[in-house]
Amino acid sequence: MPFTSLRNMFSLFNFLATFSLLFNSCYGFYPKLLNASLAASESDWSPAGATWYGNPTGAGSDGGASGYGSTVEQAPLSAMVSAGNPSLFKSGKGCGACYEVKCTTNSACSGNLMTVVITDECPGCVSESVHFDLSGTAFGAMAKSGQAEQLRNVGVLQIQYRKVECNYPGMTITFHVDSGSNPNYFATLVEYENGDGDLSSVDLKQALDSDSWQPMQQSWGAVWKLDAGSKLRAPFSIRLTSLYSRKTIVATGVIPAGWEPGKTYRSVVNFNA
């Protein structure tokens, strides 16, 4: 083949390679970033320690430091819950967050993935930077069939974890009004948020003709409060902002006129999972 033809072919190859590189750099086509949950790989996993507490086949505690009460034992949580050390609990801001966990370091481990929700705090779990103090049910669920008790006898187990989106099919966000609420003070537990699962802020708007949103303060766990100092006018709308994605959703008029402390009110909205 003549030298000129070889040189022309080489030039064409360089042009195509350069064009390809520039195209991908400019348009940033990174499939993993388009949907992290679908494109998750082994590199997404991080190490953590795990223990369990409470009844071997129970839900750990009765709602614990997040305030979820007996709902941790009921569907959709169904005792698949965990207390988190400070890095997971985040002073209560981590309540409701969902994590996939798996164990492969013990012969009793199944290696299967399972999802747990942070519903409690383990302030003393500081031997690792991340530590899950799982319910007995959740810990046993990591075991091979018939080996749950063997796995629970291990003590501190090394596991892998990653944060995932929460997904409660067919469920909408619920608000359980704190029993200490009164005409001048309103507090509510927020539960079953899809997506991030945890919240960065909550705001309240009084009667439907109002245009003013009032920021609520985190009281404890997943409970948010507004101490108005004067009589509040229901119905209330509540605006939620997720912790990481910063998505916002509004439950319009979810707390009706004539609301009562201790009652639970279900909205008609939820974040997209």
Protein backbone atom coordinates (compact mmCIF):
# COMPACT_ATOMS: atom_id res chain seq x y z
CA MET A 1 0.00 0.00 0.00
CA PRO A 2 1.45 3.44 -0.89
CA PHE A 3 2.84 5.45 2.03
CA THR A 4 0.41 8.33 1.31
CA SER A 5 -2.60 6.03 1.71
CA LEU A 6 -1.28 4.71 5.03
CA ARG A 7 -0.77 8.23 6.28
CA ASN A 8 -4.32 9.22 5.26
CA MET A 9 -5.79 6.20 7.04
CA PHE A 10 -3.80 7.00 10.19
CA SER A 11 -5.04 10.60 10.12
CA LEU A 12 -8.64 9.43 9.75
CA PHE A 13 -8.24 7.05 12.71
CA ASN A 14 -6.86 9.86 14.88
CA PHE A 15 -9.75 12.13 13.89
CA LEU A 16 -12.38 9.54 14.75
CA ALA A 17 -10.72 8.71 18.08
CA THR A 18 -10.48 12.39 19.03
CA PHE A 19 -14.08 13.03 18.01
CA SER A 20 -15.28 10.10 20.08
CA LEU A 21 -13.37 11.32 23.14
CA LEU A 22 -14.68 14.86 22.80
CA PHE A 23 -18.25 13.66 22.29
CA ASN A 24 -18.25 11.55 25.45
CA SER A 25 -16.53 14.28 27.48
CA CYS A 26 -18.95 17.00 26.41
CA TYR A 27 -22.15 15.04 26.86
CA GLY A 28 -21.12 13.19 30.01
CA PHE A 29 -22.84 9.92 29.22
CA TYR A 30 -22.29 8.00 32.46
CA PRO A 31 -25.02 5.33 32.76
CA LYS A 32 -24.42 4.84 36.50
CA LEU A 33 -25.30 8.47 37.17
CA LEU A 34 -28.56 8.18 35.23
CA ASN A 35 -30.00 5.73 37.74
CA ALA A 36 -27.70 4.83 40.60
CA SER A 37 -30.07 2.20 41.99
CA LEU A 38 -30.21 0.29 38.69
CA ALA A 39 -26.51 0.59 37.95
CA ALA A 40 -25.26 -0.27 41.44
CA SER A 41 -22.13 -2.41 41.51
CA GLU A 42 -19.79 -3.93 44.04
CA SER A 43 -17.97 -0.60 44.30
CA ASP A 44 -21.08 0.91 45.92
CA TRP A 45 -20.69 -1.24 49.03
CA SER A 46 -18.93 -0.05 52.19
CA PRO A 47 -17.89 -2.00 55.30
CA ALA A 48 -19.71 -1.76 58.63
CA GLY A 49 -20.07 -3.60 61.89
CA ALA A 50 -23.33 -5.27 62.90
CA THR A 51 -24.83 -6.59 66.11
CA TRP A 52 -28.42 -7.26 67.17
CA TYR A 53 -30.58 -6.43 70.17
CA GLY A 54 -33.94 -7.21 71.71
CA ASN A 55 -35.86 -10.41 71.10
CA PRO A 56 -34.13 -12.85 68.70
CA THR A 57 -37.17 -12.73 66.42
CA GLY A 58 -38.38 -9.25 67.39
CA ALA A 59 -38.07 -5.65 66.20
CA GLY A 60 -35.29 -4.55 68.54
CA SER A 61 -37.23 -2.02 70.58
CA ASP A 62 -40.72 -0.57 70.49
CA GLY A 63 -40.00 2.24 68.05
CA GLY A 64 -36.89 3.41 69.83
CA ALA A 65 -35.37 6.86 69.49
CA SER A 66 -37.18 7.68 66.25
CA GLY A 67 -40.64 7.52 67.79
CA TYR A 68 -42.21 5.03 65.40
CA GLY A 69 -43.69 3.01 68.24
CA SER A 70 -45.32 -0.33 67.48
CA THR A 71 -45.38 0.36 63.73
CA VAL A 72 -41.84 -1.10 63.53
CA GLU A 73 -43.38 -4.54 64.06
CA GLN A 74 -46.12 -4.06 61.48
CA ALA A 75 -46.09 -4.02 57.68
CA PRO A 76 -44.42 -2.54 55.76
CA LEU A 77 -41.49 -2.37 58.24
CA SER A 78 -42.23 -5.85 59.60
CA ALA A 79 -39.33 -5.72 62.11
CA MET A 80 -36.75 -5.28 59.32
CA VAL A 81 -35.27 -2.34 61.17
CA SER A 82 -32.06 -1.21 62.80
CA ALA A 83 -30.62 1.16 65.34
CA GLY A 84 -27.79 3.22 63.92
CA ASN A 85 -24.63 4.55 65.45
CA PRO A 86 -24.18 8.36 65.39
CA SER A 87 -23.05 8.41 61.75
CA LEU A 88 -26.29 6.69 60.69
CA PHE A 89 -28.75 8.15 63.20
CA LYS A 90 -27.56 11.73 62.61
CA SER A 91 -29.20 13.06 65.79
CA GLY A 92 -32.53 11.82 64.46
CA LYS A 93 -32.20 13.21 60.93
CA GLY A 94 -31.32 9.67 59.80
CA CYS A 95 -34.64 8.24 60.98
CA GLY A 96 -36.44 6.54 58.09
CA ALA A 97 -33.37 6.09 55.89
CA CYS A 98 -33.14 2.76 54.07
CA TYR A 99 -30.02 0.63 53.63
CA GLU A 100 -29.25 -2.61 51.89
CA VAL A 101 -27.02 -4.89 53.94
CA LYS A 102 -25.43 -8.28 53.36
CA CYS A 103 -22.94 -10.53 55.09
CA THR A 104 -20.41 -12.90 53.55
CA THR A 105 -17.74 -13.17 56.26
CA ASN A 106 -19.23 -16.07 58.21
CA SER A 107 -20.13 -19.58 57.11
CA ALA A 108 -23.71 -18.93 58.28
CA CYS A 109 -24.07 -15.86 56.04
CA SER A 110 -26.34 -16.26 53.03
CA GLY A 111 -24.90 -13.33 51.11
CA ASN A 112 -28.45 -12.30 50.20
CA LEU A 113 -29.37 -8.61 50.11
CA MET A 114 -31.93 -7.26 52.55
CA THR A 115 -33.24 -3.79 53.28
CA VAL A 116 -33.48 -2.27 56.75
CA VAL A 117 -34.83 1.06 57.97
CA ILE A 118 -33.17 3.19 60.66
CA THR A 119 -35.68 3.46 63.51
CA ASP A 120 -33.50 3.71 66.62
CA GLU A 121 -30.16 4.93 67.94
CA CYS A 122 -27.16 3.03 69.26
CA PRO A 123 -25.01 5.79 70.82
CA GLY A 124 -22.50 3.31 72.22
CA CYS A 125 -21.83 1.58 68.89
CA VAL A 126 -18.63 3.47 68.16
CA SER A 127 -16.06 0.70 67.60
CA GLU A 128 -16.57 1.16 63.84
CA SER A 129 -17.26 4.36 61.91
CA VAL A 130 -20.54 2.79 60.74
CA HIS A 131 -22.44 0.28 62.87
CA PHE A 132 -25.89 -1.28 62.52
CA ASP A 133 -27.48 -2.64 65.70
CA LEU A 134 -30.10 -4.69 63.91
CA SER A 135 -33.32 -6.15 65.21
CA GLY A 136 -33.10 -9.87 65.91
CA THR A 137 -35.35 -10.46 62.91
CA ALA A 138 -33.17 -8.45 60.53
CA PHE A 139 -29.93 -9.97 61.79
CA GLY A 140 -31.29 -13.49 61.39
CA ALA A 141 -32.51 -12.67 57.89
CA MET A 142 -28.88 -12.44 56.73
CA ALA A 143 -28.34 -16.13 57.57
CA LYS A 144 -28.65 -19.22 55.46
CA SER A 145 -31.84 -21.20 55.96
CA GLY A 146 -31.86 -22.81 59.40
CA GLN A 147 -28.73 -20.98 60.58
CA ALA A 148 -30.18 -17.76 62.02
CA GLU A 149 -29.40 -18.72 65.62
CA GLN A 150 -25.85 -19.67 64.68
CA LEU A 151 -25.34 -16.28 63.04
CA ARG A 152 -26.81 -14.40 66.01
CA ASN A 153 -24.23 -16.12 68.26
CA VAL A 154 -21.32 -14.63 66.31
CA GLY A 155 -21.20 -11.34 68.24
CA VAL A 156 -19.96 -8.43 66.13
CA LEU A 157 -20.34 -9.31 62.46
CA GLN A 158 -18.59 -7.53 59.59
CA ILE A 159 -21.09 -6.67 56.86
CA GLN A 160 -21.41 -4.60 53.70
CA TYR A 161 -23.97 -1.82 53.30
CA ARG A 162 -25.18 0.86 50.92
CA LYS A 163 -27.87 3.51 51.11
CA VAL A 164 -30.86 2.89 48.84
CA GLU A 165 -34.15 4.58 48.10
CA CYS A 166 -37.06 3.68 50.32
CA ASN A 167 -40.07 2.31 48.51
CA TYR A 168 -43.42 1.67 50.19
CA PRO A 169 -45.72 0.55 47.35
CA GLY A 170 -49.24 1.83 47.72
CA MET A 171 -48.45 3.80 50.87
CA THR A 172 -48.60 7.53 51.41
CA ILE A 173 -46.90 9.65 54.05
CA THR A 174 -48.57 9.56 57.46
CA PHE A 175 -48.59 12.08 60.30
CA HIS A 176 -49.11 10.88 63.86
CA VAL A 177 -49.97 13.87 66.06
CA ASP A 178 -47.97 13.88 69.27
CA SER A 179 -50.04 13.38 72.42
CA GLY A 180 -48.62 16.60 73.90
CA SER A 181 -50.00 18.79 71.13
CA ASN A 182 -52.49 21.54 72.03
CA PRO A 183 -54.10 24.58 70.34
CA ASN A 184 -50.82 26.56 70.60
CA TYR A 185 -48.33 23.75 70.10
CA PHE A 186 -48.31 21.16 67.34
CA ALA A 187 -45.95 18.19 66.98
CA THR A 188 -46.14 15.26 64.61
CA LEU A 189 -44.30 12.08 63.73
CA VAL A 190 -43.66 11.76 59.98
CA GLU A 191 -43.49 8.25 58.56
CA TYR A 192 -43.27 6.17 55.34
CA GLU A 193 -41.46 8.63 53.08
CA ASN A 194 -40.37 7.13 49.78
CA GLY A 195 -37.06 8.09 48.22
CA ASP A 196 -34.49 9.42 50.68
CA GLY A 197 -36.60 8.27 53.61
CA ASP A 198 -35.12 10.97 55.84
CA LEU A 199 -35.94 14.69 55.99
CA SER A 200 -33.94 17.90 56.11
CA SER A 201 -36.83 20.23 56.95
CA VAL A 202 -40.56 20.36 57.65
CA ASP A 203 -42.78 23.44 57.33
CA LEU A 204 -46.39 24.06 58.36
CA LYS A 205 -49.00 26.34 56.80
CA GLN A 206 -52.10 27.18 58.78
CA ALA A 207 -55.63 27.45 57.40
CA LEU A 208 -55.95 27.03 53.64
CA ASP A 209 -56.27 30.77 52.99
CA SER A 210 -52.81 31.43 54.44
CA ASP A 211 -49.74 31.99 52.25
CA SER A 212 -47.15 31.81 55.01
CA TRP A 213 -45.06 28.72 55.72
CA GLN A 214 -43.70 28.38 59.25
CA PRO A 215 -40.58 26.24 59.80
CA MET A 216 -41.00 23.40 62.25
CA GLN A 217 -38.15 22.26 64.49
CA GLN A 218 -37.00 18.71 64.92
CA SER A 219 -38.21 17.75 68.39
CA TRP A 220 -36.62 14.30 68.61
CA GLY A 221 -36.21 11.40 66.23
CA ALA A 222 -38.76 11.68 63.42
CA VAL A 223 -40.98 14.07 65.42
CA TRP A 224 -41.22 17.71 64.28
CA LYS A 225 -42.81 20.55 66.29
CA LEU A 226 -44.11 24.11 66.02
CA ASP A 227 -44.49 26.14 69.21
CA ALA A 228 -46.54 29.04 67.86
CA GLY A 229 -47.17 30.83 71.15
CA SER A 230 -50.70 31.60 69.95
CA LYS A 231 -53.67 29.61 68.74
CA LEU A 232 -53.00 27.72 65.52
CA ARG A 233 -55.65 27.71 62.81
CA ALA A 234 -56.39 24.35 61.19
CA PRO A 235 -56.52 22.74 58.70
CA PHE A 236 -52.74 22.48 58.37
CA SER A 237 -50.73 21.78 55.25
CA ILE A 238 -47.28 20.29 55.76
CA ARG A 239 -44.31 20.70 53.43
CA LEU A 240 -41.49 18.14 53.55
CA THR A 241 -37.99 18.46 52.08
CA SER A 242 -35.87 15.32 51.73
CA LEU A 243 -32.41 15.22 53.28
CA TYR A 244 -30.15 14.37 50.31
CA SER A 245 -32.06 14.93 47.07
CA ARG A 246 -33.71 18.10 48.45
CA LYS A 247 -37.00 17.19 46.84
CA THR A 248 -40.07 18.92 48.23
CA ILE A 249 -43.61 17.65 48.58
CA VAL A 250 -46.73 19.25 50.11
CA ALA A 251 -49.48 17.41 51.97
CA THR A 252 -52.25 19.97 51.53
CA GLY A 253 -54.77 20.20 54.36
CA VAL A 254 -53.58 16.87 55.78
CA ILE A 255 -54.29 17.85 59.39
CA PRO A 256 -58.01 18.72 59.48
CA ALA A 257 -59.90 21.22 61.56
CA GLY A 258 -60.79 19.50 64.78
CA TRP A 259 -57.62 17.42 64.81
CA GLU A 260 -56.87 15.47 67.98
CA PRO A 261 -53.64 14.63 69.80
CA GLY A 262 -52.70 10.98 69.41
CA LYS A 263 -54.53 10.59 66.09
CA THR A 264 -52.87 9.51 62.84
CA TYR A 265 -53.69 11.31 59.59
CA ARG A 266 -52.75 9.84 56.23
CA SER A 267 -51.92 12.13 53.33
CA VAL A 268 -52.53 11.40 49.64
CA VAL A 269 -48.95 12.15 48.59
CA ASN A 270 -45.48 10.62 48.71
CA PHE A 271 -42.09 11.22 47.13
CA ASN A 272 -41.41 9.37 43.92
CA ALA A 273 -39.46 6.19 44.68
